[in-house]
Amino acid sequence: MKRVSEKSKISPQEAEIHYQSSKENYNIEGAESHLAYYREKYPLYYAQLLQNV
């Protein structure tokens, strides 16, 4: 996983919308969950979501 060291310019609302839209378009391949896929594919958005949980 990439480290996210700089301050994100993504708002919490934008990150949530991005996550939901990604979830709608996600096709299950094997046992990988959407969250694991999202964490790997979009580390900046994932980090923003973690900060606002």
C-alpha atoms as a PDB file:
ATOM      1  CA  MET A   1       0.000   0.000   0.000  1.00  0.00           C
ATOM      2  CA  LYS A   2       1.225   3.477  -0.818  1.00  0.00           C
ATOM      3  CA  ARG A   3       1.861   5.812   2.066  1.00  0.00           C
ATOM      4  CA  VAL A   4      -0.172   8.996   2.092  1.00  0.00           C
ATOM      5  CA  SER A   5       1.995  11.630   3.704  1.00  0.00           C
ATOM      6  CA  GLU A   6       0.666  14.852   2.239  1.00  0.00           C
ATOM      7  CA  LYS A   7      -2.512  16.564   3.404  1.00  0.00           C
ATOM      8  CA  SER A   8      -5.431  15.453   1.276  1.00  0.00           C
ATOM      9  CA  LYS A   9      -7.363  18.064  -0.669  1.00  0.00           C
ATOM     10  CA  ILE A  10     -10.335  15.739  -0.871  1.00  0.00           C
ATOM     11  CA  SER A  11     -13.347  16.647   1.235  1.00  0.00           C
ATOM     12  CA  PRO A  12     -14.984  13.967   3.376  1.00  0.00           C
ATOM     13  CA  GLN A  13     -18.171  14.314   1.326  1.00  0.00           C
ATOM     14  CA  GLU A  14     -16.285  13.906  -1.943  1.00  0.00           C
ATOM     15  CA  ALA A  15     -14.509  10.826  -0.596  1.00  0.00           C
ATOM     16  CA  GLU A  16     -17.810   9.261   0.496  1.00  0.00           C
ATOM     17  CA  ILE A  17     -19.439   9.923  -2.893  1.00  0.00           C
ATOM     18  CA  HIS A  18     -16.400   8.489  -4.663  1.00  0.00           C
ATOM     19  CA  TYR A  19     -16.482   5.374  -2.476  1.00  0.00           C
ATOM     20  CA  GLN A  20     -20.190   4.784  -3.092  1.00  0.00           C
ATOM     21  CA  SER A  21     -19.848   5.218  -6.853  1.00  0.00           C
ATOM     22  CA  SER A  22     -16.874   2.865  -6.885  1.00  0.00           C
ATOM     23  CA  LYS A  23     -18.880   0.323  -4.918  1.00  0.00           C
ATOM     24  CA  GLU A  24     -21.705   0.452  -7.485  1.00  0.00           C
ATOM     25  CA  ASN A  25     -19.277  -0.311 -10.316  1.00  0.00           C
ATOM     26  CA  TYR A  26     -17.267  -2.953  -8.448  1.00  0.00           C
ATOM     27  CA  ASN A  27     -17.441  -6.523  -9.688  1.00  0.00           C
ATOM     28  CA  ILE A  28     -16.455  -9.217  -7.193  1.00  0.00           C
ATOM     29  CA  GLU A  29     -13.424 -11.105  -8.439  1.00  0.00           C
ATOM     30  CA  GLY A  30     -12.390 -13.908  -6.154  1.00  0.00           C
ATOM     31  CA  ALA A  31     -12.537 -13.223  -2.445  1.00  0.00           C
ATOM     32  CA  GLU A  32     -11.337  -9.627  -2.567  1.00  0.00           C
ATOM     33  CA  SER A  33     -13.733  -7.291  -0.809  1.00  0.00           C
ATOM     34  CA  HIS A  34     -14.596  -3.900  -2.206  1.00  0.00           C
ATOM     35  CA  LEU A  35     -12.900  -2.217   0.750  1.00  0.00           C
ATOM     36  CA  ALA A  36      -9.605  -4.031   0.105  1.00  0.00           C
ATOM     37  CA  TYR A  37      -9.861  -3.165  -3.588  1.00  0.00           C
ATOM     38  CA  TYR A  38     -10.658   0.470  -2.794  1.00  0.00           C
ATOM     39  CA  ARG A  39      -7.785   0.775  -0.302  1.00  0.00           C
ATOM     40  CA  GLU A  40      -5.318  -0.432  -2.946  1.00  0.00           C
ATOM     41  CA  LYS A  41      -6.785   1.373  -5.952  1.00  0.00           C
ATOM     42  CA  TYR A  42      -7.580   4.765  -4.359  1.00  0.00           C
ATOM     43  CA  PRO A  43      -5.247   5.329  -1.381  1.00  0.00           C
ATOM     44  CA  LEU A  44      -5.907   9.097  -1.097  1.00  0.00           C
ATOM     45  CA  TYR A  45      -9.668   8.677  -0.966  1.00  0.00           C
ATOM     46  CA  TYR A  46      -9.316   5.741   1.421  1.00  0.00           C
ATOM     47  CA  ALA A  47      -7.085   7.763   3.746  1.00  0.00           C
ATOM     48  CA  GLN A  48      -9.609  10.615   3.759  1.00  0.00           C
ATOM     49  CA  LEU A  49     -12.402   8.209   4.676  1.00  0.00           C
ATOM     50  CA  LEU A  50     -10.321   6.786   7.532  1.00  0.00           C
ATOM     51  CA  GLN A  51      -9.711  10.248   8.956  1.00  0.00           C
ATOM     52  CA  ASN A  52     -13.434  10.969   9.097  1.00  0.00           C
ATOM     53  CA  VAL A  53     -14.782   7.762  10.583  1.00  0.00           C
END
